N, C-alpha and C. Protein backbone atom coordinates (compact mmCIF):
# COMPACT_ATOMS: atom_id res chain seq x y z
N MET A 1 65.20 84.16 18.92
CA MET A 1 64.57 82.78 19.71
C MET A 1 63.81 83.50 20.78
N SER A 2 62.55 83.33 21.34
CA SER A 2 62.18 83.09 22.78
C SER A 2 61.76 82.45 23.43
N ALA A 3 61.73 83.26 24.46
CA ALA A 3 62.51 82.54 25.93
C ALA A 3 61.76 80.41 25.89
N THR A 4 59.79 81.41 25.37
CA THR A 4 59.73 79.40 25.61
C THR A 4 59.81 79.56 24.23
N ALA A 5 60.40 79.57 23.42
CA ALA A 5 60.84 78.45 22.60
C ALA A 5 62.73 77.61 23.06
N ARG A 6 62.66 78.37 23.70
CA ARG A 6 64.42 78.58 24.02
C ARG A 6 64.57 76.99 25.39
N ALA A 7 62.94 76.80 26.32
CA ALA A 7 63.48 76.27 27.51
C ALA A 7 62.87 74.81 26.55
N ALA A 8 61.47 74.90 25.87
CA ALA A 8 61.43 73.79 24.95
C ALA A 8 62.73 73.24 23.97
N THR A 9 63.16 74.08 23.45
CA THR A 9 65.11 73.04 23.29
C THR A 9 65.76 73.04 23.59
N ALA A 10 65.67 73.40 24.75
CA ALA A 10 66.42 72.81 26.40
C ALA A 10 65.63 71.96 26.66
N TYR A 11 64.60 71.57 27.35
CA TYR A 11 63.73 70.75 27.58
C TYR A 11 64.47 69.24 26.27
N ARG A 12 63.91 69.27 24.73
CA ARG A 12 64.18 68.31 23.73
C ARG A 12 65.26 67.71 24.00
N ARG A 13 67.15 68.98 24.42
CA ARG A 13 68.04 68.62 24.79
C ARG A 13 67.96 67.70 25.65
N VAL A 14 67.24 68.02 26.42
CA VAL A 14 67.26 67.01 28.26
C VAL A 14 67.40 65.56 28.38
N ASP A 15 65.77 65.91 26.69
CA ASP A 15 64.83 63.81 27.68
C ASP A 15 66.09 63.70 26.36
N LEU A 16 66.64 64.34 25.57
CA LEU A 16 67.44 63.10 24.95
C LEU A 16 68.78 62.41 24.67
N GLU A 17 69.28 63.34 26.02
CA GLU A 17 70.44 63.49 25.77
C GLU A 17 70.39 62.34 27.56
N SER A 18 68.84 62.02 28.18
CA SER A 18 68.92 60.79 29.09
C SER A 18 67.89 59.90 28.63
N ALA A 19 67.67 59.85 27.62
CA ALA A 19 66.42 58.71 26.88
C ALA A 19 67.62 57.85 27.06
N PRO A 20 66.70 56.19 26.83
CA PRO A 20 67.77 55.12 27.21
C PRO A 20 68.18 55.21 25.61
N LYS A 21 69.40 53.80 24.93
CA LYS A 21 69.40 54.48 23.59
C LYS A 21 68.26 53.88 23.13
N THR A 22 67.98 52.34 23.08
CA THR A 22 67.30 51.93 22.06
C THR A 22 65.50 53.34 22.18
N LEU A 23 64.72 53.50 23.15
CA LEU A 23 63.84 54.80 22.89
C LEU A 23 64.36 55.68 22.13
N ILE A 24 65.17 56.38 21.84
CA ILE A 24 65.73 57.50 20.65
C ILE A 24 65.90 56.41 19.52
N ILE A 25 66.71 54.61 19.02
CA ILE A 25 66.01 54.68 18.33
C ILE A 25 64.71 54.48 17.37
N GLU A 26 64.31 53.85 18.96
CA GLU A 26 62.97 53.48 18.11
C GLU A 26 62.10 55.15 17.87
N ARG A 27 62.66 56.40 17.65
CA ARG A 27 61.93 57.46 17.97
C ARG A 27 62.75 58.33 16.27
N LEU A 28 63.84 57.56 16.35
CA LEU A 28 64.31 57.98 14.95
C LEU A 28 63.76 57.44 14.11
N TYR A 29 63.14 55.76 14.19
CA TYR A 29 62.41 55.27 13.30
C TYR A 29 61.21 55.87 12.69
N GLU A 30 60.65 56.54 14.30
CA GLU A 30 59.52 57.33 14.26
C GLU A 30 59.15 58.61 13.02
N ARG A 31 59.82 59.08 13.60
CA ARG A 31 60.51 60.53 13.17
C ARG A 31 60.50 60.28 11.46
N PHE A 32 61.88 59.20 10.95
CA PHE A 32 61.91 59.23 10.11
C PHE A 32 60.29 58.78 8.80
N VAL A 33 59.58 58.15 9.23
CA VAL A 33 58.21 58.08 8.67
C VAL A 33 57.13 58.83 9.03
N ARG A 34 57.87 59.81 9.74
CA ARG A 34 56.84 62.16 9.65
C ARG A 34 57.47 62.52 9.32
N ASP A 35 59.02 61.89 8.74
CA ASP A 35 59.49 63.32 7.41
C ASP A 35 59.01 63.38 6.75
N VAL A 36 59.14 61.44 5.91
CA VAL A 36 58.53 61.24 4.48
C VAL A 36 56.84 61.22 4.68
N ASP A 37 55.82 61.00 4.80
CA ASP A 37 54.54 61.83 5.34
C ASP A 37 54.77 63.26 4.60
N ASP A 38 55.37 64.42 5.64
CA ASP A 38 55.48 65.11 4.83
C ASP A 38 55.95 65.94 3.87
N ALA A 39 56.84 64.74 3.24
CA ALA A 39 57.26 65.12 2.40
C ALA A 39 56.49 64.58 1.12
N LYS A 40 55.09 63.90 1.35
CA LYS A 40 54.53 63.13 0.43
C LYS A 40 53.71 64.35 0.52
N ARG A 41 53.48 64.64 1.62
CA ARG A 41 52.67 65.78 1.51
C ARG A 41 53.13 66.97 0.66
N ALA A 42 53.87 67.74 0.79
CA ALA A 42 54.33 68.82 0.20
C ALA A 42 55.38 68.39 -1.04
N ILE A 43 55.07 67.52 -1.84
CA ILE A 43 55.68 67.09 -3.27
C ILE A 43 53.81 67.17 -3.62
N THR A 44 52.55 66.24 -2.54
CA THR A 44 51.55 67.04 -3.28
C THR A 44 51.28 68.68 -3.79
N ASP A 45 51.70 68.90 -2.45
CA ASP A 45 51.27 70.36 -2.30
C ASP A 45 52.06 71.30 -4.11
N ARG A 46 52.97 71.69 -4.60
CA ARG A 46 54.45 71.15 -4.74
C ARG A 46 54.88 72.49 -3.76
N ASP A 47 55.51 71.98 -2.77
CA ASP A 47 56.30 73.10 -1.73
C ASP A 47 57.18 71.99 -1.76
N ILE A 48 58.36 72.75 -2.70
CA ILE A 48 59.92 72.46 -3.10
C ILE A 48 60.25 73.15 -1.65
N LEU A 49 60.17 73.66 -1.25
CA LEU A 49 60.91 73.74 0.50
C LEU A 49 60.62 72.75 1.30
N THR A 50 59.54 72.48 1.48
CA THR A 50 60.14 71.69 2.39
C THR A 50 59.86 69.68 2.30
N LYS A 51 59.59 69.54 1.05
CA LYS A 51 59.12 68.53 0.30
C LYS A 51 61.58 68.68 0.78
N ALA A 52 62.37 69.07 0.39
CA ALA A 52 63.38 68.83 0.59
C ALA A 52 64.39 69.52 2.44
N ARG A 53 63.06 69.96 2.56
CA ARG A 53 63.90 69.73 4.28
C ARG A 53 63.38 68.87 4.70
N MET A 54 62.25 67.93 3.92
CA MET A 54 62.42 67.22 5.01
C MET A 54 62.41 65.17 4.21
N ILE A 55 62.69 65.40 3.93
CA ILE A 55 64.42 64.49 2.99
C ILE A 55 65.41 64.72 3.34
N ASP A 56 66.02 66.03 3.10
CA ASP A 56 67.08 65.72 3.86
C ASP A 56 66.78 65.93 5.52
N HIS A 57 66.14 66.11 6.12
CA HIS A 57 66.35 64.94 7.78
C HIS A 57 65.83 63.75 7.83
N ALA A 58 65.38 63.42 6.94
CA ALA A 58 65.46 61.61 6.89
C ALA A 58 66.78 61.10 6.38
N MET A 59 66.65 61.91 5.31
CA MET A 59 68.66 60.88 4.89
C MET A 59 69.16 60.99 6.46
N ALA A 60 69.72 61.78 6.87
CA ALA A 60 70.51 62.18 8.40
C ALA A 60 70.20 61.66 8.85
N ILE A 61 68.51 60.94 9.19
CA ILE A 61 67.89 59.95 10.18
C ILE A 61 68.49 58.81 9.99
N VAL A 62 69.09 58.17 8.44
CA VAL A 62 69.06 57.21 7.81
C VAL A 62 71.11 57.56 7.98
N VAL A 63 70.75 58.22 7.80
CA VAL A 63 73.26 58.01 7.66
C VAL A 63 73.03 57.95 9.39
N GLU A 64 73.03 58.57 10.60
CA GLU A 64 72.70 58.74 11.55
C GLU A 64 73.13 57.05 11.96
N LEU A 65 71.71 56.44 12.15
CA LEU A 65 71.23 54.88 11.98
C LEU A 65 72.05 54.00 11.27
N GLU A 66 72.84 54.27 9.62
CA GLU A 66 73.88 53.35 9.16
C GLU A 66 75.26 53.59 10.40
N ALA A 67 75.71 54.85 10.86
CA ALA A 67 76.99 55.49 11.42
C ALA A 67 77.27 54.44 12.80
N ALA A 68 75.80 54.07 13.30
CA ALA A 68 75.28 53.53 15.30
C ALA A 68 75.57 51.95 14.70
N LEU A 69 75.80 50.84 13.85
CA LEU A 69 76.12 49.84 13.56
C LEU A 69 77.26 49.64 14.45
N ASP A 70 76.94 48.40 14.39
CA ASP A 70 78.29 47.87 15.18
C ASP A 70 78.47 46.61 14.92
N HIS A 71 80.26 46.84 14.03
CA HIS A 71 79.81 46.22 13.04
C HIS A 71 80.65 44.91 13.27
N GLY A 72 81.54 45.04 14.70
CA GLY A 72 82.43 43.95 15.59
C GLY A 72 81.12 43.59 16.45
N ALA A 73 79.36 43.67 17.24
CA ALA A 73 79.55 42.61 17.90
C ALA A 73 77.75 41.92 16.51
N ALA A 74 78.15 42.05 15.51
CA ALA A 74 76.50 41.32 14.88
C ALA A 74 77.42 41.70 13.32
N PRO A 75 78.63 41.44 12.45
CA PRO A 75 78.54 41.58 11.65
C PRO A 75 76.92 40.76 10.49
N GLU A 76 76.74 40.45 9.89
CA GLU A 76 76.14 40.28 8.96
C GLU A 76 75.24 40.42 9.74
N LEU A 77 74.54 40.90 11.02
CA LEU A 77 73.39 41.59 10.54
C LEU A 77 73.76 43.56 10.03
N CYS A 78 74.25 43.39 10.24
CA CYS A 78 74.89 44.92 9.72
C CYS A 78 75.60 45.26 8.76
N LYS A 79 75.68 44.26 7.77
CA LYS A 79 75.97 43.72 7.32
C LYS A 79 74.45 44.47 6.52
N ASN A 80 73.57 43.56 6.04
CA ASN A 80 72.18 44.01 6.12
C ASN A 80 71.80 44.98 6.50
N LEU A 81 71.89 45.46 7.43
CA LEU A 81 70.97 46.90 8.08
C LEU A 81 71.78 48.20 7.10
N LYS A 82 73.09 47.52 6.03
CA LYS A 82 73.48 48.58 5.99
C LYS A 82 73.20 48.97 4.15
N ALA A 83 73.29 47.36 4.24
CA ALA A 83 72.58 47.80 2.97
C ALA A 83 70.94 47.73 2.71
N LEU A 84 70.43 47.23 3.48
CA LEU A 84 68.49 47.78 3.64
C LEU A 84 69.16 50.00 3.68
N TYR A 85 69.46 50.81 4.95
CA TYR A 85 69.52 52.09 4.57
C TYR A 85 70.66 53.34 3.69
N ARG A 86 71.15 51.56 2.83
CA ARG A 86 71.79 51.90 1.24
C ARG A 86 70.94 51.93 0.66
N PHE A 87 69.93 51.60 0.11
CA PHE A 87 68.49 51.37 -1.16
C PHE A 87 67.33 52.73 -0.19
N VAL A 88 67.78 52.18 1.20
CA VAL A 88 66.94 53.78 2.22
C VAL A 88 67.14 55.57 1.72
N ALA A 89 68.15 55.50 2.04
CA ALA A 89 68.69 56.85 0.67
C ALA A 89 68.66 56.68 -1.02
N ALA A 90 69.18 55.65 -1.41
CA ALA A 90 68.74 56.00 -2.85
C ALA A 90 66.97 56.26 -3.32
N LYS A 91 66.40 55.64 -2.94
CA LYS A 91 64.81 56.21 -3.01
C LYS A 91 65.13 57.24 -2.22
N LEU A 92 65.38 57.69 -0.55
CA LEU A 92 65.15 59.36 -0.70
C LEU A 92 65.53 60.14 -1.38
N THR A 93 66.89 59.71 -2.13
CA THR A 93 67.04 60.54 -3.47
C THR A 93 66.25 60.38 -4.61
N GLU A 94 65.68 59.86 -5.64
CA GLU A 94 65.10 60.27 -6.60
C GLU A 94 63.95 59.86 -5.88
N ALA A 95 63.68 60.68 -5.35
CA ALA A 95 62.00 61.40 -4.78
C ALA A 95 62.88 62.14 -4.42
N ASN A 96 63.43 62.61 -4.73
CA ASN A 96 64.33 64.52 -4.36
C ASN A 96 64.08 64.96 -5.68
N ALA A 97 65.27 63.77 -6.38
CA ALA A 97 65.02 64.78 -7.30
C ALA A 97 64.08 64.98 -8.40
N THR A 98 62.99 63.45 -8.58
CA THR A 98 62.39 63.68 -9.07
C THR A 98 60.07 63.57 -8.49
N LEU A 99 60.66 64.31 -7.43
CA LEU A 99 59.37 64.15 -7.31
C LEU A 99 58.39 62.95 -6.95
N ALA A 100 58.74 61.45 -6.73
CA ALA A 100 58.08 60.26 -7.27
C ALA A 100 58.43 59.73 -5.40
N VAL A 101 56.67 60.11 -5.27
CA VAL A 101 55.99 59.24 -4.04
C VAL A 101 56.19 58.21 -4.02
N PRO A 102 56.09 57.67 -5.00
CA PRO A 102 55.95 55.84 -4.58
C PRO A 102 58.14 55.13 -4.60
N ALA A 103 58.58 56.31 -4.84
CA ALA A 103 59.37 55.88 -4.15
C ALA A 103 59.64 56.30 -2.27
N LEU A 104 59.59 57.56 -2.00
CA LEU A 104 58.91 56.77 -0.47
C LEU A 104 58.49 56.58 0.22
N ASP A 105 56.59 56.18 -0.37
CA ASP A 105 56.67 54.79 -0.12
C ASP A 105 57.49 54.22 0.64
N GLN A 106 58.02 53.78 -0.84
CA GLN A 106 58.81 52.09 -0.43
C GLN A 106 60.05 52.80 0.57
N ALA A 107 60.75 53.63 0.88
CA ALA A 107 61.52 54.48 1.73
C ALA A 107 60.46 54.06 2.74
N ALA A 108 59.98 54.48 3.52
CA ALA A 108 58.54 54.09 5.01
C ALA A 108 58.76 52.78 4.63
N ARG A 109 57.76 51.71 4.15
CA ARG A 109 57.94 50.50 3.99
C ARG A 109 59.25 50.42 4.64
N VAL A 110 59.64 50.29 3.92
CA VAL A 110 61.68 49.57 4.85
C VAL A 110 61.52 50.32 5.43
N MET A 111 61.90 51.23 6.39
CA MET A 111 61.71 51.92 7.72
C MET A 111 60.86 51.15 8.67
N THR A 112 59.69 51.90 8.89
CA THR A 112 58.36 51.09 9.43
C THR A 112 58.85 49.80 10.13
N GLU A 113 59.31 48.77 8.39
CA GLU A 113 59.52 46.94 8.63
C GLU A 113 60.78 47.61 10.10
N LEU A 114 61.49 47.95 9.69
CA LEU A 114 62.86 47.82 10.34
C LEU A 114 62.65 48.95 11.67
N GLY A 115 61.77 49.44 11.72
CA GLY A 115 61.48 49.64 13.50
C GLY A 115 60.79 48.63 14.39
N ASP A 116 59.91 48.51 13.56
CA ASP A 116 59.03 47.85 14.00
C ASP A 116 59.33 46.07 14.75
N ALA A 117 61.34 45.84 13.68
CA ALA A 117 61.41 44.59 14.37
C ALA A 117 62.14 45.59 14.87
N PHE A 118 63.06 45.76 15.21
CA PHE A 118 63.92 46.58 16.54
C PHE A 118 62.93 46.80 17.71
N ARG A 119 61.88 47.35 17.87
CA ARG A 119 61.13 46.98 18.61
C ARG A 119 60.88 45.62 19.03
N GLN A 120 60.52 45.62 17.96
CA GLN A 120 59.89 43.69 18.74
C GLN A 120 61.48 43.25 19.57
N ALA A 121 62.24 43.21 19.01
CA ALA A 121 63.76 42.39 19.55
C ALA A 121 63.94 43.77 20.62
N HIS A 122 63.81 44.57 20.95
CA HIS A 122 63.65 45.30 22.26
C HIS A 122 63.08 44.31 23.60
N ALA A 123 61.56 44.76 22.61
CA ALA A 123 60.32 43.56 23.64
C ALA A 123 60.35 42.45 24.63
N ASN A 124 61.55 41.99 23.14
CA ASN A 124 61.68 40.61 23.40
C ASN A 124 62.60 40.25 24.52
N LEU A 125 64.10 41.19 24.78
CA LEU A 125 65.10 42.05 25.25
C LEU A 125 64.65 41.20 26.98
N VAL A 126 63.75 42.69 26.92
CA VAL A 126 63.11 42.66 27.53
C VAL A 126 61.90 42.19 28.52
N HIS A 127 61.01 41.47 27.40
CA HIS A 127 60.33 40.62 28.23
C HIS A 127 59.90 39.68 28.15
N PRO A 128 61.27 37.68 27.98
CA PRO A 128 61.47 37.24 26.99
C PRO A 128 59.78 36.62 27.43
């Protein structure tokens, strides 16, 4: 790894470690959508390795978001989010196994709506 690549990695790590949790969650939703877009492009291009890598990364985001749920603070909300994350994970698995772009579209739609709702909720808390 070059010095420039090491510096960029260190910068990203410090940026992530110092970012507010709400910003990290917003970034995760945004990155998920980028990963799905890249996976769809890879399917179209018949680039199976890139498709698998992008879907794996998107799945890791879903797993992290589900793991971060605080069931004690909002049990009903967390139950609903968990169900949505499981739906998204199932769609990612389907797309990975069958090269189904519509499954990726469904997953992206759910995650986009969740990301938008999260940003709106956060904005309402900050600027009521």
